[in-house]
Amino acid sequence: DEVVAELHPDPVDLSSCVEVTGQGAGQVPTSSDHLIHRVVREVLDHHGHGALADRLTLRCANTIPHSRGMGSSAAAVVAGISIADALLAFAGRGELTEEE
């Protein structure tokens, strides 16, 4: 899977902030309810930078089949943590520690 995250200068429309192509297109949320966006927000909220998630759009090109036990949800969680890590570094907080 490939995810492109864009941080905008102003808040975005959270009802349509995720674009999905490939596996799961038309079946997974394209709002901030999307698993990757939820993980990003949870990590950012935990570190006091939740407002950054309001400015985030995602473009997801999915190649891992959904609902077949092949790890698509795990890949989404890892992507969300990686994006949050980069955003925290951008915000000057520094990268997540291994424990986090």
PDB file of N, CA and C in Angstrom:
ATOM      1  N   ASP A   1       0.836  -1.182   0.000  1.00  0.00           N
ATOM      2  CA  ASP A   1       0.000   0.000   0.000  1.00  0.00           C
ATOM      3  C   ASP A   1       0.879   1.243   0.000  1.00  0.00           C
ATOM      4  N   GLU A   2       0.336   2.321  -0.515  1.00  0.00           N
ATOM      5  CA  GLU A   2       1.033   3.602  -0.528  1.00  0.00           C
ATOM      6  C   GLU A   2       0.077   4.678  -0.029  1.00  0.00           C
ATOM      7  N   VAL A   3       0.582   5.535   0.849  1.00  0.00           N
ATOM      8  CA  VAL A   3      -0.230   6.626   1.379  1.00  0.00           C
ATOM      9  C   VAL A   3       0.547   7.924   1.220  1.00  0.00           C
ATOM     10  N   VAL A   4      -0.108   8.927   0.670  1.00  0.00           N
ATOM     11  CA  VAL A   4       0.460  10.264   0.577  1.00  0.00           C
ATOM     12  C   VAL A   4      -0.336  11.145   1.529  1.00  0.00           C
ATOM     13  N   ALA A   5       0.357  11.770   2.458  1.00  0.00           N
ATOM     14  CA  ALA A   5      -0.281  12.661   3.429  1.00  0.00           C
ATOM     15  C   ALA A   5       0.084  14.096   3.079  1.00  0.00           C
ATOM     16  N   GLU A   6      -0.904  14.962   3.075  1.00  0.00           N
ATOM     17  CA  GLU A   6      -0.674  16.378   2.816  1.00  0.00           C
ATOM     18  C   GLU A   6      -1.201  17.190   3.992  1.00  0.00           C
ATOM     19  N   LEU A   7      -0.357  18.062   4.509  1.00  0.00           N
ATOM     20  CA  LEU A   7      -0.750  18.966   5.584  1.00  0.00           C
ATOM     21  C   LEU A   7      -1.039  20.324   4.962  1.00  0.00           C
ATOM     22  N   HIS A   8      -2.256  20.792   5.130  1.00  0.00           N
ATOM     23  CA  HIS A   8      -2.698  22.047   4.533  1.00  0.00           C
ATOM     24  C   HIS A   8      -2.578  23.181   5.551  1.00  0.00           C
ATOM     25  N   PRO A   9      -2.488  24.426   5.081  1.00  0.00           N
ATOM     26  CA  PRO A   9      -2.354  25.551   6.012  1.00  0.00           C
ATOM     27  C   PRO A   9      -3.609  25.806   6.840  1.00  0.00           C
ATOM     28  N   ASP A  10      -4.763  25.392   6.322  1.00  0.00           N
ATOM     29  CA  ASP A  10      -6.038  25.615   7.008  1.00  0.00           C
ATOM     30  C   ASP A  10      -6.771  24.287   7.177  1.00  0.00           C
ATOM     31  N   PRO A  11      -7.753  24.235   8.080  1.00  0.00           N
ATOM     32  CA  PRO A  11      -8.546  23.007   8.235  1.00  0.00           C
ATOM     33  C   PRO A  11      -9.202  22.592   6.915  1.00  0.00           C
ATOM     34  N   VAL A  12      -9.349  21.276   6.736  1.00  0.00           N
ATOM     35  CA  VAL A  12      -9.957  20.713   5.526  1.00  0.00           C
ATOM     36  C   VAL A  12     -11.338  20.157   5.862  1.00  0.00           C
ATOM     37  N   ASP A  13     -12.091  19.796   4.844  1.00  0.00           N
ATOM     38  CA  ASP A  13     -13.400  19.173   5.028  1.00  0.00           C
ATOM     39  C   ASP A  13     -13.179  17.734   5.478  1.00  0.00           C
ATOM     40  N   LEU A  14     -13.409  17.453   6.746  1.00  0.00           N
ATOM     41  CA  LEU A  14     -13.135  16.129   7.302  1.00  0.00           C
ATOM     42  C   LEU A  14     -14.119  15.071   6.823  1.00  0.00           C
ATOM     43  N   SER A  15     -15.175  15.486   6.127  1.00  0.00           N
ATOM     44  CA  SER A  15     -16.118  14.499   5.595  1.00  0.00           C
ATOM     45  C   SER A  15     -15.624  13.891   4.283  1.00  0.00           C
ATOM     46  N   SER A  16     -14.576  14.482   3.702  1.00  0.00           N
ATOM     47  CA  SER A  16     -14.046  13.961   2.434  1.00  0.00           C
ATOM     48  C   SER A  16     -12.536  14.171   2.341  1.00  0.00           C
ATOM     49  N   CYS A  17     -11.829  13.867   3.412  1.00  0.00           N
ATOM     50  CA  CYS A  17     -10.396  14.156   3.478  1.00  0.00           C
ATOM     51  C   CYS A  17      -9.506  12.988   3.067  1.00  0.00           C
ATOM     52  N   VAL A  18     -10.106  11.860   2.667  1.00  0.00           N
ATOM     53  CA  VAL A  18      -9.331  10.679   2.276  1.00  0.00           C
ATOM     54  C   VAL A  18      -9.780  10.222   0.893  1.00  0.00           C
ATOM     55  N   GLU A  19      -8.807  10.028   0.015  1.00  0.00           N
ATOM     56  CA  GLU A  19      -9.066   9.480  -1.317  1.00  0.00           C
ATOM     57  C   GLU A  19      -8.508   8.064  -1.337  1.00  0.00           C
ATOM     58  N   VAL A  20      -9.307   7.105  -1.780  1.00  0.00           N
ATOM     59  CA  VAL A  20      -8.888   5.700  -1.789  1.00  0.00           C
ATOM     60  C   VAL A  20      -9.007   5.140  -3.199  1.00  0.00           C
ATOM     61  N   THR A  21      -7.919   4.504  -3.662  1.00  0.00           N
ATOM     62  CA  THR A  21      -7.944   3.769  -4.921  1.00  0.00           C
ATOM     63  C   THR A  21      -7.473   2.346  -4.652  1.00  0.00           C
ATOM     64  N   GLY A  22      -7.813   1.441  -5.543  1.00  0.00           N
ATOM     65  CA  GLY A  22      -7.388   0.051  -5.388  1.00  0.00           C
ATOM     66  C   GLY A  22      -8.310  -0.719  -4.463  1.00  0.00           C
ATOM     67  N   GLN A  23      -7.734  -1.636  -3.701  1.00  0.00           N
ATOM     68  CA  GLN A  23      -8.498  -2.495  -2.790  1.00  0.00           C
ATOM     69  C   GLN A  23      -9.299  -1.650  -1.797  1.00  0.00           C
ATOM     70  N   GLY A  24     -10.556  -1.962  -1.651  1.00  0.00           N
ATOM     71  CA  GLY A  24     -11.406  -1.278  -0.679  1.00  0.00           C
ATOM     72  C   GLY A  24     -11.996   0.031  -1.150  1.00  0.00           C
ATOM     73  N   ALA A  25     -11.614   0.494  -2.340  1.00  0.00           N
ATOM     74  CA  ALA A  25     -12.182   1.746  -2.854  1.00  0.00           C
ATOM     75  C   ALA A  25     -13.696   1.588  -2.942  1.00  0.00           C
ATOM     76  N   GLY A  26     -14.419   2.558  -2.431  1.00  0.00           N
ATOM     77  CA  GLY A  26     -15.870   2.498  -2.419  1.00  0.00           C
ATOM     78  C   GLY A  26     -16.439   1.721  -1.247  1.00  0.00           C
ATOM     79  N   GLN A  27     -15.567   1.101  -0.447  1.00  0.00           N
ATOM     80  CA  GLN A  27     -16.024   0.310   0.699  1.00  0.00           C
ATOM     81  C   GLN A  27     -15.551   0.872   2.032  1.00  0.00           C
ATOM     82  N   VAL A  28     -14.453   1.606   2.021  1.00  0.00           N
ATOM     83  CA  VAL A  28     -13.913   2.158   3.268  1.00  0.00           C
ATOM     84  C   VAL A  28     -14.247   3.648   3.335  1.00  0.00           C
ATOM     85  N   PRO A  29     -14.302   4.217   4.534  1.00  0.00           N
ATOM     86  CA  PRO A  29     -14.648   5.633   4.672  1.00  0.00           C
ATOM     87  C   PRO A  29     -13.648   6.548   3.960  1.00  0.00           C
ATOM     88  N   THR A  30     -14.154   7.638   3.413  1.00  0.00           N
ATOM     89  CA  THR A  30     -13.293   8.669   2.837  1.00  0.00           C
ATOM     90  C   THR A  30     -13.318   9.925   3.710  1.00  0.00           C
ATOM     91  N   SER A  31     -13.801   9.757   4.910  1.00  0.00           N
ATOM     92  CA  SER A  31     -13.864  10.841   5.894  1.00  0.00           C
ATOM     93  C   SER A  31     -12.777  10.614   6.945  1.00  0.00           C
ATOM     94  N   SER A  32     -12.802  11.432   7.969  1.00  0.00           N
ATOM     95  CA  SER A  32     -11.846  11.265   9.067  1.00  0.00           C
ATOM     96  C   SER A  32     -12.119   9.992   9.861  1.00  0.00           C
ATOM     97  N   ASP A  33     -13.154   9.239   9.496  1.00  0.00           N
ATOM     98  CA  ASP A  33     -13.411   7.930  10.106  1.00  0.00           C
ATOM     99  C   ASP A  33     -12.520   6.836   9.517  1.00  0.00           C
ATOM    100  N   HIS A  34     -11.785   7.150   8.457  1.00  0.00           N
ATOM    101  CA  HIS A  34     -10.868   6.182   7.848  1.00  0.00           C
ATOM    102  C   HIS A  34      -9.837   5.765   8.899  1.00  0.00           C
ATOM    103  N   LEU A  35      -9.479   4.491   8.930  1.00  0.00           N
ATOM    104  CA  LEU A  35      -8.597   3.957   9.973  1.00  0.00           C
ATOM    105  C   LEU A  35      -7.282   4.721  10.068  1.00  0.00           C
ATOM    106  N   ILE A  36      -6.654   5.022   8.955  1.00  0.00           N
ATOM    107  CA  ILE A  36      -5.370   5.734   9.014  1.00  0.00           C
ATOM    108  C   ILE A  36      -5.559   7.103   9.651  1.00  0.00           C
ATOM    109  N   HIS A  37      -6.582   7.830   9.235  1.00  0.00           N
ATOM    110  CA  HIS A  37      -6.826   9.172   9.783  1.00  0.00           C
ATOM    111  C   HIS A  37      -7.131   9.087  11.280  1.00  0.00           C
ATOM    112  N   ARG A  38      -7.884   8.077  11.695  1.00  0.00           N
ATOM    113  CA  ARG A  38      -8.201   7.910  13.125  1.00  0.00           C
ATOM    114  C   ARG A  38      -6.937   7.651  13.934  1.00  0.00           C
ATOM    115  N   VAL A  39      -6.039   6.813  13.415  1.00  0.00           N
ATOM    116  CA  VAL A  39      -4.792   6.517  14.131  1.00  0.00           C
ATOM    117  C   VAL A  39      -3.937   7.774  14.236  1.00  0.00           C
ATOM    118  N   VAL A  40      -3.814   8.510  13.135  1.00  0.00           N
ATOM    119  CA  VAL A  40      -3.036   9.758  13.161  1.00  0.00           C
ATOM    120  C   VAL A  40      -3.590  10.678  14.237  1.00  0.00           C
ATOM    121  N   ARG A  41      -4.906  10.881  14.240  1.00  0.00           N
ATOM    122  CA  ARG A  41      -5.514  11.789  15.225  1.00  0.00           C
ATOM    123  C   ARG A  41      -5.275  11.306  16.649  1.00  0.00           C
ATOM    124  N   GLU A  42      -5.417  10.016  16.883  1.00  0.00           N
ATOM    125  CA  GLU A  42      -5.231   9.490  18.234  1.00  0.00           C
ATOM    126  C   GLU A  42      -3.810   9.749  18.737  1.00  0.00           C
ATOM    127  N   VAL A  43      -2.828   9.502  17.894  1.00  0.00           N
ATOM    128  CA  VAL A  43      -1.432   9.734  18.295  1.00  0.00           C
ATOM    129  C   VAL A  43      -1.188  11.227  18.505  1.00  0.00           C
ATOM    130  N   LEU A  44      -1.666  12.057  17.576  1.00  0.00           N
ATOM    131  CA  LEU A  44      -1.471  13.504  17.714  1.00  0.00           C
ATOM    132  C   LEU A  44      -2.184  14.042  18.948  1.00  0.00           C
ATOM    133  N   ASP A  45      -3.413  13.588  19.201  1.00  0.00           N
ATOM    134  CA  ASP A  45      -4.149  14.008  20.401  1.00  0.00           C
ATOM    135  C   ASP A  45      -3.369  13.653  21.660  1.00  0.00           C
ATOM    136  N   HIS A  46      -2.823  12.449  21.680  1.00  0.00           N
ATOM    137  CA  HIS A  46      -2.062  11.976  22.844  1.00  0.00           C
ATOM    138  C   HIS A  46      -0.880  12.898  23.152  1.00  0.00           C
ATOM    139  N   HIS A  47      -0.331  13.517  22.121  1.00  0.00           N
ATOM    140  CA  HIS A  47       0.842  14.373  22.294  1.00  0.00           C
ATOM    141  C   HIS A  47       0.506  15.863  22.218  1.00  0.00           C
ATOM    142  N   GLY A  48      -0.791  16.196  22.284  1.00  0.00           N
ATOM    143  CA  GLY A  48      -1.200  17.595  22.338  1.00  0.00           C
ATOM    144  C   GLY A  48      -1.166  18.335  21.014  1.00  0.00           C
ATOM    145  N   HIS A  49      -1.167  17.615  19.898  1.00  0.00           N
ATOM    146  CA  HIS A  49      -1.128  18.254  18.582  1.00  0.00           C
ATOM    147  C   HIS A  49      -2.284  17.794  17.695  1.00  0.00           C
ATOM    148  N   GLY A  50      -3.428  17.488  18.289  1.00  0.00           N
ATOM    149  CA  GLY A  50      -4.572  16.975  17.546  1.00  0.00           C
ATOM    150  C   GLY A  50      -5.072  17.899  16.456  1.00  0.00           C
ATOM    151  N   ALA A  51      -4.871  19.208  16.608  1.00  0.00           N
ATOM    152  CA  ALA A  51      -5.353  20.157  15.603  1.00  0.00           C
ATOM    153  C   ALA A  51      -4.694  19.940  14.247  1.00  0.00           C
ATOM    154  N   LEU A  52      -3.509  19.345  14.226  1.00  0.00           N
ATOM    155  CA  LEU A  52      -2.857  19.063  12.941  1.00  0.00           C
ATOM    156  C   LEU A  52      -3.700  18.116  12.093  1.00  0.00           C
ATOM    157  N   ALA A  53      -4.412  17.196  12.722  1.00  0.00           N
ATOM    158  CA  ALA A  53      -5.236  16.235  11.980  1.00  0.00           C
ATOM    159  C   ALA A  53      -6.370  16.929  11.233  1.00  0.00           C
ATOM    160  N   ASP A  54      -6.794  18.096  11.700  1.00  0.00           N
ATOM    161  CA  ASP A  54      -7.847  18.846  11.019  1.00  0.00           C
ATOM    162  C   ASP A  54      -7.364  19.427   9.695  1.00  0.00           C
ATOM    163  N   ARG A  55      -6.056  19.444   9.487  1.00  0.00           N
ATOM    164  CA  ARG A  55      -5.459  20.014   8.272  1.00  0.00           C
ATOM    165  C   ARG A  55      -4.903  18.939   7.338  1.00  0.00           C
ATOM    166  N   LEU A  56      -5.217  17.673   7.618  1.00  0.00           N
ATOM    167  CA  LEU A  56      -4.597  16.553   6.921  1.00  0.00           C
ATOM    168  C   LEU A  56      -5.522  15.915   5.890  1.00  0.00           C
ATOM    169  N   THR A  57      -5.003  15.723   4.682  1.00  0.00           N
ATOM    170  CA  THR A  57      -5.689  14.902   3.686  1.00  0.00           C
ATOM    171  C   THR A  57      -4.782  13.724   3.350  1.00  0.00           C
ATOM    172  N   LEU A  58      -5.405  12.615   2.954  1.00  0.00           N
ATOM    173  CA  LEU A  58      -4.674  11.395   2.623  1.00  0.00           C
ATOM    174  C   LEU A  58      -5.099  10.892   1.256  1.00  0.00           C
ATOM    175  N   ARG A  59      -4.119  10.377   0.501  1.00  0.00           N
ATOM    176  CA  ARG A  59      -4.393   9.651  -0.740  1.00  0.00           C
ATOM    177  C   ARG A  59      -3.836   8.249  -0.554  1.00  0.00           C
ATOM    178  N   CYS A  60      -4.709   7.262  -0.556  1.00  0.00           N
ATOM    179  CA  CYS A  60      -4.330   5.876  -0.282  1.00  0.00           C
ATOM    180  C   CYS A  60      -4.495   5.031  -1.539  1.00  0.00           C
ATOM    181  N   ALA A  61      -3.416   4.376  -1.947  1.00  0.00           N
ATOM    182  CA  ALA A  61      -3.458   3.417  -3.052  1.00  0.00           C
ATOM    183  C   ALA A  61      -3.277   2.042  -2.427  1.00  0.00           C
ATOM    184  N   ASN A  62      -4.378   1.333  -2.270  1.00  0.00           N
ATOM    185  CA  ASN A  62      -4.371   0.064  -1.539  1.00  0.00           C
ATOM    186  C   ASN A  62      -4.134  -1.121  -2.468  1.00  0.00           C
ATOM    187  N   THR A  63      -3.185  -1.977  -2.083  1.00  0.00           N
ATOM    188  CA  THR A  63      -2.922  -3.206  -2.839  1.00  0.00           C
ATOM    189  C   THR A  63      -3.203  -4.448  -2.007  1.00  0.00           C
ATOM    190  N   ILE A  64      -3.298  -4.297  -0.691  1.00  0.00           N
ATOM    191  CA  ILE A  64      -3.560  -5.439   0.192  1.00  0.00           C
ATOM    192  C   ILE A  64      -5.072  -5.663   0.265  1.00  0.00           C
ATOM    193  N   PRO A  65      -5.547  -6.863  -0.077  1.00  0.00           N
ATOM    194  CA  PRO A  65      -6.988  -7.134   0.001  1.00  0.00           C
ATOM    195  C   PRO A  65      -7.517  -6.953   1.427  1.00  0.00           C
ATOM    196  N   HIS A  66      -8.735  -6.430   1.528  1.00  0.00           N
ATOM    197  CA  HIS A  66      -9.373  -6.206   2.826  1.00  0.00           C
ATOM    198  C   HIS A  66     -10.169  -7.431   3.249  1.00  0.00           C
ATOM    199  N   SER A  67     -10.311  -7.606   4.550  1.00  0.00           N
ATOM    200  CA  SER A  67     -11.152  -8.654   5.153  1.00  0.00           C
ATOM    201  C   SER A  67     -10.748 -10.070   4.762  1.00  0.00           C
ATOM    202  N   ARG A  68      -9.457 -10.275   4.561  1.00  0.00           N
ATOM    203  CA  ARG A  68      -8.993 -11.618   4.205  1.00  0.00           C
ATOM    204  C   ARG A  68      -7.850 -12.081   5.094  1.00  0.00           C
ATOM    205  N   GLY A  69      -7.584 -11.349   6.160  1.00  0.00           N
ATOM    206  CA  GLY A  69      -6.524 -11.745   7.077  1.00  0.00           C
ATOM    207  C   GLY A  69      -5.126 -11.546   6.527  1.00  0.00           C
ATOM    208  N   MET A  70      -4.976 -10.629   5.569  1.00  0.00           N
ATOM    209  CA  MET A  70      -3.675 -10.415   4.939  1.00  0.00           C
ATOM    210  C   MET A  70      -2.939  -9.199   5.487  1.00  0.00           C
ATOM    211  N   GLY A  71      -3.498  -8.553   6.498  1.00  0.00           N
ATOM    212  CA  GLY A  71      -2.791  -7.469   7.176  1.00  0.00           C
ATOM    213  C   GLY A  71      -3.100  -6.068   6.711  1.00  0.00           C
ATOM    214  N   SER A  72      -4.206  -5.859   6.016  1.00  0.00           N
ATOM    215  CA  SER A  72      -4.504  -4.503   5.551  1.00  0.00           C
ATOM    216  C   SER A  72      -4.731  -3.543   6.716  1.00  0.00           C
ATOM    217  N   SER A  73      -5.388  -3.998   7.766  1.00  0.00           N
ATOM    218  CA  SER A  73      -5.610  -3.128   8.934  1.00  0.00           C
ATOM    219  C   SER A  73      -4.297  -2.837   9.650  1.00  0.00           C
ATOM    220  N   ALA A  74      -3.449  -3.837   9.775  1.00  0.00           N
ATOM    221  CA  ALA A  74      -2.142  -3.627  10.407  1.00  0.00           C
ATOM    222  C   ALA A  74      -1.324  -2.630   9.597  1.00  0.00           C
ATOM    223  N   ALA A  75      -1.365  -2.752   8.273  1.00  0.00           N
ATOM    224  CA  ALA A  75      -0.640  -1.810   7.415  1.00  0.00           C
ATOM    225  C   ALA A  75      -1.179  -0.395   7.598  1.00  0.00           C
ATOM    226  N   ALA A  76      -2.498  -0.264   7.746  1.00  0.00           N
ATOM    227  CA  ALA A  76      -3.105   1.051   7.949  1.00  0.00           C
ATOM    228  C   ALA A  76      -2.673   1.656   9.282  1.00  0.00           C
ATOM    229  N   VAL A  77      -2.613   0.847  10.326  1.00  0.00           N
ATOM    230  CA  VAL A  77      -2.189   1.335  11.641  1.00  0.00           C
ATOM    231  C   VAL A  77      -0.734   1.802  11.582  1.00  0.00           C
ATOM    232  N   VAL A  78       0.127   1.008  10.961  1.00  0.00           N
ATOM    233  CA  VAL A  78       1.541   1.387  10.838  1.00  0.00           C
ATOM    234  C   VAL A  78       1.671   2.679  10.029  1.00  0.00           C
ATOM    235  N   ALA A  79       0.906   2.797   8.954  1.00  0.00           N
ATOM    236  CA  ALA A  79       0.938   4.026   8.154  1.00  0.00           C
ATOM    237  C   ALA A  79       0.505   5.225   8.993  1.00  0.00           C
ATOM    238  N   GLY A  80      -0.559   5.066   9.775  1.00  0.00           N
ATOM    239  CA  GLY A  80      -1.034   6.160  10.620  1.00  0.00           C
ATOM    240  C   GLY A  80      -0.008   6.591  11.651  1.00  0.00           C
ATOM    241  N   ILE A  81       0.655   5.628  12.270  1.00  0.00           N
ATOM    242  CA  ILE A  81       1.692   5.950  13.258  1.00  0.00           C
ATOM    243  C   ILE A  81       2.859   6.656  12.581  1.00  0.00           C
ATOM    244  N   SER A  82       3.252   6.184  11.406  1.00  0.00           N
ATOM    245  CA  SER A  82       4.368   6.806  10.680  1.00  0.00           C
ATOM    246  C   SER A  82       4.047   8.243  10.288  1.00  0.00           C
ATOM    247  N   ILE A  83       2.822   8.472   9.826  1.00  0.00           N
ATOM    248  CA  ILE A  83       2.414   9.828   9.460  1.00  0.00           C
ATOM    249  C   ILE A  83       2.391  10.724  10.692  1.00  0.00           C
ATOM    250  N   ALA A  84       1.831  10.234  11.786  1.00  0.00           N
ATOM    251  CA  ALA A  84       1.792  11.020  13.027  1.00  0.00           C
ATOM    252  C   ALA A  84       3.203  11.339  13.502  1.00  0.00           C
ATOM    253  N   ASP A  85       4.107  10.384  13.392  1.00  0.00           N
ATOM    254  CA  ASP A  85       5.502  10.586  13.782  1.00  0.00           C
ATOM    255  C   ASP A  85       6.114  11.742  12.989  1.00  0.00           C
ATOM    256  N   ALA A  86       5.899  11.741  11.681  1.00  0.00           N
ATOM    257  CA  ALA A  86       6.432  12.811  10.837  1.00  0.00           C
ATOM    258  C   ALA A  86       5.802  14.157  11.185  1.00  0.00           C
ATOM    259  N   LEU A  87       4.496  14.170  11.459  1.00  0.00           N
ATOM    260  CA  LEU A  87       3.826  15.424  11.813  1.00  0.00           C
ATOM    261  C   LEU A  87       4.300  15.958  13.156  1.00  0.00           C
ATOM    262  N   LEU A  88       4.554  15.070  14.100  1.00  0.00           N
ATOM    263  CA  LEU A  88       5.078  15.513  15.396  1.00  0.00           C
ATOM    264  C   LEU A  88       6.467  16.114  15.236  1.00  0.00           C
ATOM    265  N   ALA A  89       7.291  15.511  14.394  1.00  0.00           N
ATOM    266  CA  ALA A  89       8.618  16.074  14.136  1.00  0.00           C
ATOM    267  C   ALA A  89       8.477  17.446  13.480  1.00  0.00           C
ATOM    268  N   PHE A  90       7.543  17.576  12.536  1.00  0.00           N
ATOM    269  CA  PHE A  90       7.276  18.852  11.875  1.00  0.00           C
ATOM    270  C   PHE A  90       6.854  19.908  12.890  1.00  0.00           C
ATOM    271  N   ALA A  91       6.058  19.500  13.872  1.00  0.00           N
ATOM    272  CA  ALA A  91       5.550  20.426  14.891  1.00  0.00           C
ATOM    273  C   ALA A  91       6.604  20.774  15.935  1.00  0.00           C
ATOM    274  N   GLY A  92       7.790  20.170  15.823  1.00  0.00           N
ATOM    275  CA  GLY A  92       8.867  20.479  16.757  1.00  0.00           C
ATOM    276  C   GLY A  92       8.867  19.634  18.003  1.00  0.00           C
ATOM    277  N   ARG A  93       8.000  18.664  18.083  1.00  0.00           N
ATOM    278  CA  ARG A  93       7.922  17.797  19.261  1.00  0.00           C
ATOM    279  C   ARG A  93       9.014  16.741  19.236  1.00  0.00           C
ATOM    280  N   GLY A  94       9.528  16.420  18.053  1.00  0.00           N
ATOM    281  CA  GLY A  94      10.500  15.340  17.913  1.00  0.00           C
ATOM    282  C   GLY A  94       9.783  14.057  17.549  1.00  0.00           C
ATOM    283  N   GLU A  95      10.544  13.082  17.112  1.00  0.00           N
ATOM    284  CA  GLU A  95       9.958  11.817  16.689  1.00  0.00           C
ATOM    285  C   GLU A  95       9.493  11.002  17.884  1.00  0.00           C
ATOM    286  N   LEU A  96       8.591  10.067  17.612  1.00  0.00           N
ATOM    287  CA  LEU A  96       8.136   9.148  18.650  1.00  0.00           C
ATOM    288  C   LEU A  96       9.302   8.279  19.109  1.00  0.00           C
ATOM    289  N   THR A  97       9.290   7.924  20.375  1.00  0.00           N
ATOM    290  CA  THR A  97      10.302   6.999  20.873  1.00  0.00           C
ATOM    291  C   THR A  97       9.884   5.579  20.528  1.00  0.00           C
ATOM    292  N   GLU A  98      10.787   4.643  20.664  1.00  0.00           N
ATOM    293  CA  GLU A  98      10.469   3.250  20.373  1.00  0.00           C
ATOM    294  C   GLU A  98       9.344   2.744  21.269  1.00  0.00           C
ATOM    295  N   GLU A  99       9.299   3.209  22.521  1.00  0.00           N
ATOM    296  CA  GLU A  99       8.254   2.785  23.450  1.00  0.00           C
ATOM    297  C   GLU A  99       6.890   3.331  23.044  1.00  0.00           C
ATOM    298  N   GLU A 100       6.880   4.531  22.472  1.00  0.00           N
ATOM    299  CA  GLU A 100       5.613   5.146  22.080  1.00  0.00           C
ATOM    300  C   GLU A 100       5.056   4.448  20.868  1.00  0.00           C
TER     301      GLU A 100
END
